PDB file of N, CA and C in Angstrom:
ATOM      1  N   MET A   1       0.858  -1.169   0.000  1.00  0.00           N
ATOM      2  CA  MET A   1       0.000   0.000   0.000  1.00  0.00           C
ATOM      3  C   MET A   1       0.900   1.227   0.000  1.00  0.00           C
ATOM      4  N   ASP A   2       0.715   2.070  -0.973  1.00  0.00           N
ATOM      5  CA  ASP A   2       1.568   3.249  -1.075  1.00  0.00           C
ATOM      6  C   ASP A   2       0.856   4.492  -0.545  1.00  0.00           C
ATOM      7  N   ALA A   3       1.595   5.571  -0.500  1.00  0.00           N
ATOM      8  CA  ALA A   3       1.063   6.819   0.060  1.00  0.00           C
ATOM      9  C   ALA A   3      -0.079   7.375  -0.781  1.00  0.00           C
ATOM     10  N   ASN A   4      -0.038   7.168  -2.080  1.00  0.00           N
ATOM     11  CA  ASN A   4      -1.115   7.680  -2.936  1.00  0.00           C
ATOM     12  C   ASN A   4      -2.447   7.009  -2.639  1.00  0.00           C
ATOM     13  N   ALA A   5      -2.409   5.710  -2.339  1.00  0.00           N
ATOM     14  CA  ALA A   5      -3.638   4.992  -2.011  1.00  0.00           C
ATOM     15  C   ALA A   5      -4.208   5.488  -0.691  1.00  0.00           C
ATOM     16  N   VAL A   6      -3.337   5.728   0.273  1.00  0.00           N
ATOM     17  CA  VAL A   6      -3.798   6.240   1.572  1.00  0.00           C
ATOM     18  C   VAL A   6      -4.408   7.626   1.411  1.00  0.00           C
ATOM     19  N   LEU A   7      -3.748   8.472   0.634  1.00  0.00           N
ATOM     20  CA  LEU A   7      -4.276   9.820   0.398  1.00  0.00           C
ATOM     21  C   LEU A   7      -5.595   9.779  -0.356  1.00  0.00           C
ATOM     22  N   ASP A   8      -5.710   8.856  -1.297  1.00  0.00           N
ATOM     23  CA  ASP A   8      -6.956   8.730  -2.055  1.00  0.00           C
ATOM     24  C   ASP A   8      -8.104   8.291  -1.148  1.00  0.00           C
ATOM     25  N   ILE A   9      -7.856   7.322  -0.284  1.00  0.00           N
ATOM     26  CA  ILE A   9      -8.893   6.860   0.643  1.00  0.00           C
ATOM     27  C   ILE A   9      -9.262   7.977   1.623  1.00  0.00           C
ATOM     28  N   GLY A  10      -8.254   8.695   2.105  1.00  0.00           N
ATOM     29  CA  GLY A  10      -8.529   9.812   3.010  1.00  0.00           C
ATOM     30  C   GLY A  10      -9.342  10.906   2.347  1.00  0.00           C
ATOM     31  N   MET A  11      -9.017  11.201   1.097  1.00  0.00           N
ATOM     32  CA  MET A  11      -9.761  12.227   0.354  1.00  0.00           C
ATOM     33  C   MET A  11     -11.205  11.790   0.123  1.00  0.00           C
ATOM     34  N   GLN A  12     -11.409  10.526  -0.236  1.00  0.00           N
ATOM     35  CA  GLN A  12     -12.759  10.016  -0.428  1.00  0.00           C
ATOM     36  C   GLN A  12     -13.547  10.048   0.874  1.00  0.00           C
ATOM     37  N   ALA A  13     -12.884   9.727   1.989  1.00  0.00           N
ATOM     38  CA  ALA A  13     -13.563   9.753   3.291  1.00  0.00           C
ATOM     39  C   ALA A  13     -13.978  11.172   3.655  1.00  0.00           C
ATOM     40  N   LEU A  14     -13.121  12.144   3.378  1.00  0.00           N
ATOM     41  CA  LEU A  14     -13.473  13.539   3.667  1.00  0.00           C
ATOM     42  C   LEU A  14     -14.629  14.018   2.797  1.00  0.00           C
ATOM     43  N   ILE A  15     -14.644  13.606   1.543  1.00  0.00           N
ATOM     44  CA  ILE A  15     -15.735  13.998   0.652  1.00  0.00           C
ATOM     45  C   ILE A  15     -17.055  13.380   1.116  1.00  0.00           C
ATOM     46  N   VAL A  16     -17.017  12.112   1.505  1.00  0.00           N
ATOM     47  CA  VAL A  16     -18.233  11.453   2.001  1.00  0.00           C
ATOM     48  C   VAL A  16     -18.707  12.132   3.290  1.00  0.00           C
ATOM     49  N   ALA A  17     -17.769  12.460   4.177  1.00  0.00           N
ATOM     50  CA  ALA A  17     -18.154  13.125   5.424  1.00  0.00           C
ATOM     51  C   ALA A  17     -18.788  14.487   5.149  1.00  0.00           C
ATOM     52  N   ALA A  18     -18.243  15.222   4.188  1.00  0.00           N
ATOM     53  CA  ALA A  18     -18.812  16.525   3.842  1.00  0.00           C
ATOM     54  C   ALA A  18     -20.202  16.371   3.231  1.00  0.00           C
ATOM     55  N   LYS A  19     -20.362  15.363   2.363  1.00  0.00           N
ATOM     56  CA  LYS A  19     -21.673  15.138   1.751  1.00  0.00           C
ATOM     57  C   LYS A  19     -22.707  14.726   2.787  1.00  0.00           C
ATOM     58  N   LEU A  20     -22.294  13.922   3.770  1.00  0.00           N
ATOM     59  CA  LEU A  20     -23.242  13.450   4.769  1.00  0.00           C
ATOM     60  C   LEU A  20     -23.619  14.531   5.776  1.00  0.00           C
ATOM     61  N   SER A  21     -22.695  15.421   6.068  1.00  0.00           N
ATOM     62  CA  SER A  21     -22.991  16.454   7.065  1.00  0.00           C
ATOM     63  C   SER A  21     -23.668  17.686   6.455  1.00  0.00           C
ATOM     64  N   ALA A  22     -23.601  17.835   5.148  1.00  0.00           N
ATOM     65  CA  ALA A  22     -24.140  19.038   4.503  1.00  0.00           C
ATOM     66  C   ALA A  22     -25.631  19.268   4.760  1.00  0.00           C
ATOM     67  N   PRO A  23     -26.511  18.280   4.599  1.00  0.00           N
ATOM     68  CA  PRO A  23     -27.939  18.577   4.822  1.00  0.00           C
ATOM     69  C   PRO A  23     -28.245  19.051   6.238  1.00  0.00           C
ATOM     70  N   ILE A  24     -27.589  18.462   7.226  1.00  0.00           N
ATOM     71  CA  ILE A  24     -27.857  18.842   8.612  1.00  0.00           C
ATOM     72  C   ILE A  24     -27.288  20.217   8.920  1.00  0.00           C
ATOM     73  N   LEU A  25     -26.057  20.450   8.471  1.00  0.00           N
ATOM     74  CA  LEU A  25     -25.425  21.740   8.759  1.00  0.00           C
ATOM     75  C   LEU A  25     -26.121  22.894   8.045  1.00  0.00           C
ATOM     76  N   ILE A  26     -26.520  22.670   6.804  1.00  0.00           N
ATOM     77  CA  ILE A  26     -27.203  23.728   6.057  1.00  0.00           C
ATOM     78  C   ILE A  26     -28.575  24.010   6.669  1.00  0.00           C
ATOM     79  N   THR A  27     -29.268  22.956   7.092  1.00  0.00           N
ATOM     80  CA  THR A  27     -30.563  23.151   7.747  1.00  0.00           C
ATOM     81  C   THR A  27     -30.414  23.946   9.033  1.00  0.00           C
ATOM     82  N   ALA A  28     -29.429  23.578   9.851  1.00  0.00           N
ATOM     83  CA  ALA A  28     -29.202  24.304  11.105  1.00  0.00           C
ATOM     84  C   ALA A  28     -28.798  25.751  10.833  1.00  0.00           C
ATOM     85  N   LEU A  29     -28.008  25.973   9.792  1.00  0.00           N
ATOM     86  CA  LEU A  29     -27.592  27.333   9.441  1.00  0.00           C
ATOM     87  C   LEU A  29     -28.779  28.187   9.016  1.00  0.00           C
ATOM     88  N   VAL A  30     -29.623  27.660   8.145  1.00  0.00           N
ATOM     89  CA  VAL A  30     -30.757  28.430   7.632  1.00  0.00           C
ATOM     90  C   VAL A  30     -31.765  28.721   8.744  1.00  0.00           C
ATOM     91  N   VAL A  31     -32.084  27.705   9.543  1.00  0.00           N
ATOM     92  CA  VAL A  31     -33.055  27.901  10.619  1.00  0.00           C
ATOM     93  C   VAL A  31     -32.479  28.836  11.682  1.00  0.00           C
ATOM     94  N   GLY A  32     -31.210  28.663  12.020  1.00  0.00           N
ATOM     95  CA  GLY A  32     -30.576  29.544  12.995  1.00  0.00           C
ATOM     96  C   GLY A  32     -30.551  30.989  12.538  1.00  0.00           C
ATOM     97  N   PHE A  33     -30.268  31.192  11.246  1.00  0.00           N
ATOM     98  CA  PHE A  33     -30.271  32.558  10.714  1.00  0.00           C
ATOM     99  C   PHE A  33     -31.676  33.157  10.740  1.00  0.00           C
ATOM    100  N   ALA A  34     -32.678  32.362  10.360  1.00  0.00           N
ATOM    101  CA  ALA A  34     -34.058  32.869  10.358  1.00  0.00           C
ATOM    102  C   ALA A  34     -34.521  33.217  11.773  1.00  0.00           C
ATOM    103  N   ILE A  35     -34.213  32.362  12.729  1.00  0.00           N
ATOM    104  CA  ILE A  35     -34.605  32.638  14.116  1.00  0.00           C
ATOM    105  C   ILE A  35     -33.839  33.837  14.653  1.00  0.00           C
ATOM    106  N   SER A  36     -32.574  33.942  14.311  1.00  0.00           N
ATOM    107  CA  SER A  36     -31.773  35.088  14.749  1.00  0.00           C
ATOM    108  C   SER A  36     -32.327  36.387  14.176  1.00  0.00           C
ATOM    109  N   LEU A  37     -32.724  36.346  12.913  1.00  0.00           N
ATOM    110  CA  LEU A  37     -33.324  37.526  12.290  1.00  0.00           C
ATOM    111  C   LEU A  37     -34.642  37.880  12.961  1.00  0.00           C
ATOM    112  N   LEU A  38     -35.460  36.883  13.259  1.00  0.00           N
ATOM    113  CA  LEU A  38     -36.724  37.108  13.951  1.00  0.00           C
ATOM    114  C   LEU A  38     -36.490  37.689  15.341  1.00  0.00           C
ATOM    115  N   GLN A  39     -35.484  37.175  16.039  1.00  0.00           N
ATOM    116  CA  GLN A  39     -35.186  37.691  17.378  1.00  0.00           C
ATOM    117  C   GLN A  39     -34.683  39.128  17.325  1.00  0.00           C
ATOM    118  N   SER A  40     -33.888  39.446  16.328  1.00  0.00           N
ATOM    119  CA  SER A  40     -33.393  40.822  16.254  1.00  0.00           C
ATOM    120  C   SER A  40     -34.491  41.806  15.844  1.00  0.00           C
ATOM    121  N   ILE A  41     -35.435  41.338  15.047  1.00  0.00           N
ATOM    122  CA  ILE A  41     -36.542  42.216  14.642  1.00  0.00           C
ATOM    123  C   ILE A  41     -37.489  42.459  15.813  1.00  0.00           C
ATOM    124  N   THR A  42     -37.827  41.391  16.538  1.00  0.00           N
ATOM    125  CA  THR A  42     -38.801  41.517  17.613  1.00  0.00           C
ATOM    126  C   THR A  42     -38.167  41.824  18.973  1.00  0.00           C
ATOM    127  N   GLN A  43     -36.852  41.766  19.057  1.00  0.00           N
ATOM    128  CA  GLN A  43     -36.088  42.008  20.282  1.00  0.00           C
ATOM    129  C   GLN A  43     -36.466  41.044  21.400  1.00  0.00           C
ATOM    130  N   ILE A  44     -36.812  39.827  21.021  1.00  0.00           N
ATOM    131  CA  ILE A  44     -37.072  38.764  21.996  1.00  0.00           C
ATOM    132  C   ILE A  44     -35.790  37.947  22.102  1.00  0.00           C
ATOM    133  N   GLN A  45     -35.168  37.960  23.261  1.00  0.00           N
ATOM    134  CA  GLN A  45     -33.906  37.241  23.447  1.00  0.00           C
ATOM    135  C   GLN A  45     -34.128  36.036  24.362  1.00  0.00           C
ATOM    136  N   GLU A  46     -34.774  35.034  23.845  1.00  0.00           N
ATOM    137  CA  GLU A  46     -35.043  33.811  24.591  1.00  0.00           C
ATOM    138  C   GLU A  46     -34.191  32.683  24.008  1.00  0.00           C
ATOM    139  N   VAL A  47     -33.468  31.971  24.870  1.00  0.00           N
ATOM    140  CA  VAL A  47     -32.548  30.936  24.411  1.00  0.00           C
ATOM    141  C   VAL A  47     -33.294  29.771  23.784  1.00  0.00           C
ATOM    142  N   THR A  48     -34.393  29.362  24.391  1.00  0.00           N
ATOM    143  CA  THR A  48     -35.128  28.222  23.861  1.00  0.00           C
ATOM    144  C   THR A  48     -35.778  28.531  22.522  1.00  0.00           C
ATOM    145  N   LEU A  49     -36.010  29.795  22.242  1.00  0.00           N
ATOM    146  CA  LEU A  49     -36.597  30.171  20.954  1.00  0.00           C
ATOM    147  C   LEU A  49     -35.644  29.844  19.806  1.00  0.00           C
ATOM    148  N   SER A  50     -34.343  29.887  20.052  1.00  0.00           N
ATOM    149  CA  SER A  50     -33.411  29.545  18.984  1.00  0.00           C
ATOM    150  C   SER A  50     -33.063  28.059  18.986  1.00  0.00           C
ATOM    151  N   PHE A  51     -33.133  27.395  20.130  1.00  0.00           N
ATOM    152  CA  PHE A  51     -32.718  25.994  20.201  1.00  0.00           C
ATOM    153  C   PHE A  51     -33.784  25.021  19.709  1.00  0.00           C
ATOM    154  N   VAL A  52     -35.006  25.192  20.139  1.00  0.00           N
ATOM    155  CA  VAL A  52     -36.065  24.223  19.842  1.00  0.00           C
ATOM    156  C   VAL A  52     -36.364  24.146  18.338  1.00  0.00           C
ATOM    157  N   PRO A  53     -36.568  25.260  17.637  1.00  0.00           N
ATOM    158  CA  PRO A  53     -36.821  25.128  16.193  1.00  0.00           C
ATOM    159  C   PRO A  53     -35.636  24.527  15.437  1.00  0.00           C
ATOM    160  N   LYS A  54     -34.420  24.848  15.886  1.00  0.00           N
ATOM    161  CA  LYS A  54     -33.248  24.289  15.231  1.00  0.00           C
ATOM    162  C   LYS A  54     -33.172  22.773  15.453  1.00  0.00           C
ATOM    163  N   ALA A  55     -33.490  22.325  16.658  1.00  0.00           N
ATOM    164  CA  ALA A  55     -33.474  20.894  16.946  1.00  0.00           C
ATOM    165  C   ALA A  55     -34.553  20.163  16.146  1.00  0.00           C
ATOM    166  N   VAL A  56     -35.709  20.766  16.038  1.00  0.00           N
ATOM    167  CA  VAL A  56     -36.790  20.152  15.256  1.00  0.00           C
ATOM    168  C   VAL A  56     -36.418  20.094  13.779  1.00  0.00           C
ATOM    169  N   ALA A  57     -35.849  21.167  13.254  1.00  0.00           N
ATOM    170  CA  ALA A  57     -35.477  21.206  11.839  1.00  0.00           C
ATOM    171  C   ALA A  57     -34.365  20.201  11.524  1.00  0.00           C
ATOM    172  N   VAL A  58     -33.410  20.081  12.424  1.00  0.00           N
ATOM    173  CA  VAL A  58     -32.334  19.110  12.204  1.00  0.00           C
ATOM    174  C   VAL A  58     -32.865  17.688  12.259  1.00  0.00           C
ATOM    175  N   SER A  59     -33.779  17.414  13.172  1.00  0.00           N
ATOM    176  CA  SER A  59     -34.355  16.071  13.228  1.00  0.00           C
ATOM    177  C   SER A  59     -35.192  15.775  11.986  1.00  0.00           C
ATOM    178  N   LEU A  60     -35.893  16.778  11.469  1.00  0.00           N
ATOM    179  CA  LEU A  60     -36.623  16.584  10.213  1.00  0.00           C
ATOM    180  C   LEU A  60     -35.673  16.358   9.044  1.00  0.00           C
ATOM    181  N   ALA A  61     -34.559  17.076   9.026  1.00  0.00           N
ATOM    182  CA  ALA A  61     -33.560  16.876   7.976  1.00  0.00           C
ATOM    183  C   ALA A  61     -32.976  15.471   8.045  1.00  0.00           C
ATOM    184  N   LEU A  62     -32.776  14.961   9.269  1.00  0.00           N
ATOM    185  CA  LEU A  62     -32.296  13.587   9.419  1.00  0.00           C
ATOM    186  C   LEU A  62     -33.331  12.584   8.932  1.00  0.00           C
ATOM    187  N   LEU A  63     -34.604  12.844   9.212  1.00  0.00           N
ATOM    188  CA  LEU A  63     -35.653  11.947   8.739  1.00  0.00           C
ATOM    189  C   LEU A  63     -35.743  11.939   7.216  1.00  0.00           C
ATOM    190  N   VAL A  64     -35.615  13.113   6.623  1.00  0.00           N
ATOM    191  CA  VAL A  64     -35.743  13.221   5.169  1.00  0.00           C
ATOM    192  C   VAL A  64     -34.529  12.631   4.460  1.00  0.00           C
ATOM    193  N   SER A  65     -33.337  12.947   4.933  1.00  0.00           N
ATOM    194  CA  SER A  65     -32.127  12.535   4.217  1.00  0.00           C
ATOM    195  C   SER A  65     -31.437  11.321   4.828  1.00  0.00           C
ATOM    196  N   GLY A  66     -32.034  10.703   5.822  1.00  0.00           N
ATOM    197  CA  GLY A  66     -31.398   9.586   6.499  1.00  0.00           C
ATOM    198  C   GLY A  66     -31.143   8.388   5.605  1.00  0.00           C
ATOM    199  N   HIS A  67     -32.120   8.037   4.784  1.00  0.00           N
ATOM    200  CA  HIS A  67     -31.959   6.886   3.896  1.00  0.00           C
ATOM    201  C   HIS A  67     -30.827   7.124   2.900  1.00  0.00           C
ATOM    202  N   TRP A  68     -30.771   8.312   2.345  1.00  0.00           N
ATOM    203  CA  TRP A  68     -29.699   8.659   1.411  1.00  0.00           C
ATOM    204  C   TRP A  68     -28.341   8.609   2.102  1.00  0.00           C
ATOM    205  N   MET A  69     -28.277   9.106   3.339  1.00  0.00           N
ATOM    206  CA  MET A  69     -27.021   9.116   4.071  1.00  0.00           C
ATOM    207  C   MET A  69     -26.525   7.693   4.327  1.00  0.00           C
ATOM    208  N   ILE A  70     -27.419   6.813   4.723  1.00  0.00           N
ATOM    209  CA  ILE A  70     -27.032   5.432   4.985  1.00  0.00           C
ATOM    210  C   ILE A  70     -26.581   4.743   3.695  1.00  0.00           C
ATOM    211  N   SER A  71     -27.289   4.985   2.606  1.00  0.00           N
ATOM    212  CA  SER A  71     -26.897   4.348   1.345  1.00  0.00           C
ATOM    213  C   SER A  71     -25.543   4.861   0.861  1.00  0.00           C
ATOM    214  N   GLU A  72     -25.254   6.145   1.052  1.00  0.00           N
ATOM    215  CA  GLU A  72     -23.933   6.683   0.688  1.00  0.00           C
ATOM    216  C   GLU A  72     -22.832   6.034   1.523  1.00  0.00           C
ATOM    217  N   LEU A  73     -23.086   5.875   2.802  1.00  0.00           N
ATOM    218  CA  LEU A  73     -22.099   5.283   3.693  1.00  0.00           C
ATOM    219  C   LEU A  73     -21.879   3.804   3.372  1.00  0.00           C
ATOM    220  N   VAL A  74     -22.939   3.080   3.055  1.00  0.00           N
ATOM    221  CA  VAL A  74     -22.812   1.671   2.690  1.00  0.00           C
ATOM    222  C   VAL A  74     -22.053   1.532   1.372  1.00  0.00           C
ATOM    223  N   THR A  75     -22.323   2.400   0.412  1.00  0.00           N
ATOM    224  CA  THR A  75     -21.606   2.369  -0.857  1.00  0.00           C
ATOM    225  C   THR A  75     -20.122   2.634  -0.655  1.00  0.00           C
ATOM    226  N   PHE A  76     -19.795   3.619   0.163  1.00  0.00           N
ATOM    227  CA  PHE A  76     -18.396   3.929   0.444  1.00  0.00           C
ATOM    228  C   PHE A  76     -17.706   2.755   1.130  1.00  0.00           C
ATOM    229  N   THR A  77     -18.382   2.136   2.086  1.00  0.00           N
ATOM    230  CA  THR A  77     -17.803   0.994   2.794  1.00  0.00           C
ATOM    231  C   THR A  77     -17.610  -0.188   1.859  1.00  0.00           C
ATOM    232  N   ASN A  78     -18.579  -0.461   0.999  1.00  0.00           N
ATOM    233  CA  ASN A  78     -18.430  -1.547   0.032  1.00  0.00           C
ATOM    234  C   ASN A  78     -17.262  -1.293  -0.919  1.00  0.00           C
ATOM    235  N   ASP A  79     -17.099  -0.050  -1.355  1.00  0.00           N
ATOM    236  CA  ASP A  79     -15.969   0.293  -2.218  1.00  0.00           C
ATOM    237  C   ASP A  79     -14.642   0.067  -1.502  1.00  0.00           C
ATOM    238  N   LEU A  80     -14.592   0.403  -0.215  1.00  0.00           N
ATOM    239  CA  LEU A  80     -13.363   0.167   0.543  1.00  0.00           C
ATOM    240  C   LEU A  80     -13.072  -1.325   0.658  1.00  0.00           C
ATOM    241  N   PHE A  81     -14.101  -2.128   0.934  1.00  0.00           N
ATOM    242  CA  PHE A  81     -13.895  -3.570   1.044  1.00  0.00           C
ATOM    243  C   PHE A  81     -13.453  -4.175  -0.287  1.00  0.00           C
ATOM    244  N   GLU A  82     -13.963  -3.643  -1.396  1.00  0.00           N
ATOM    245  CA  GLU A  82     -13.550  -4.144  -2.707  1.00  0.00           C
ATOM    246  C   GLU A  82     -12.105  -3.774  -3.027  1.00  0.00           C
ATOM    247  N   LYS A  83     -11.599  -2.693  -2.453  1.00  0.00           N
ATOM    248  CA  LYS A  83     -10.228  -2.263  -2.707  1.00  0.00           C
ATOM    249  C   LYS A  83      -9.191  -3.002  -1.860  1.00  0.00           C
ATOM    250  N   ILE A  84      -9.625  -3.732  -0.852  1.00  0.00           N
ATOM    251  CA  ILE A  84      -8.680  -4.360   0.079  1.00  0.00           C
ATOM    252  C   ILE A  84      -7.676  -5.272  -0.647  1.00  0.00           C
ATOM    253  N   PRO A  85      -8.091  -6.166  -1.548  1.00  0.00           N
ATOM    254  CA  PRO A  85      -7.083  -7.015  -2.196  1.00  0.00           C
ATOM    255  C   PRO A  85      -6.034  -6.223  -2.983  1.00  0.00           C
ATOM    256  N   SER A  86      -6.476  -5.195  -3.696  1.00  0.00           N
ATOM    257  CA  SER A  86      -5.511  -4.421  -4.477  1.00  0.00           C
ATOM    258  C   SER A  86      -4.607  -3.573  -3.576  1.00  0.00           C
ATOM    259  N   LEU A  87      -5.115  -3.163  -2.433  1.00  0.00           N
ATOM    260  CA  LEU A  87      -4.291  -2.377  -1.516  1.00  0.00           C
ATOM    261  C   LEU A  87      -3.231  -3.238  -0.835  1.00  0.00           C
ATOM    262  N   LEU A  88      -3.552  -4.504  -0.622  1.00  0.00           N
ATOM    263  CA  LEU A  88      -2.598  -5.398   0.017  1.00  0.00           C
ATOM    264  C   LEU A  88      -1.627  -6.016  -0.987  1.00  0.00           C
ATOM    265  N   GLY A  89      -1.814  -5.695  -2.245  1.00  0.00           N
ATOM    266  CA  GLY A  89      -0.892  -6.180  -3.271  1.00  0.00           C
ATOM    267  C   GLY A  89      -1.282  -7.515  -3.873  1.00  0.00           C
ATOM    268  N   GLY A  90      -2.496  -7.962  -3.617  1.00  0.00           N
ATOM    269  CA  GLY A  90      -2.923  -9.262  -4.111  1.00  0.00           C
ATOM    270  C   GLY A  90      -3.512  -9.239  -5.503  1.00  0.00           C
ATOM    271  N   GLY A  91      -3.705  -8.097  -6.070  1.00  0.00           N
ATOM    272  CA  GLY A  91      -4.285  -8.128  -7.414  1.00  0.00           C
ATOM    273  C   GLY A  91      -4.942  -6.896  -7.691  1.00  0.00           C
TER     274      GLY A  91
END
């Protein structure tokens, strides 16, 4: 196994991690910004007002994109298992 193979696997893992975290992070960002804007307009500074909608939105994002996330992770894992013989020099 050479350094290029390790770097390639690491790069693929980072790309998969970014793809899997994107729906949740973007949802939390959009909802957090909307709640922050609402709080600044109405001058209501309540901590639970920003936490509860964000938690609900993130859980909905997980429900919506969960199947896709699992299938991406299974595909990545299967690809890694298929590469094992070539990485060990067996073919």
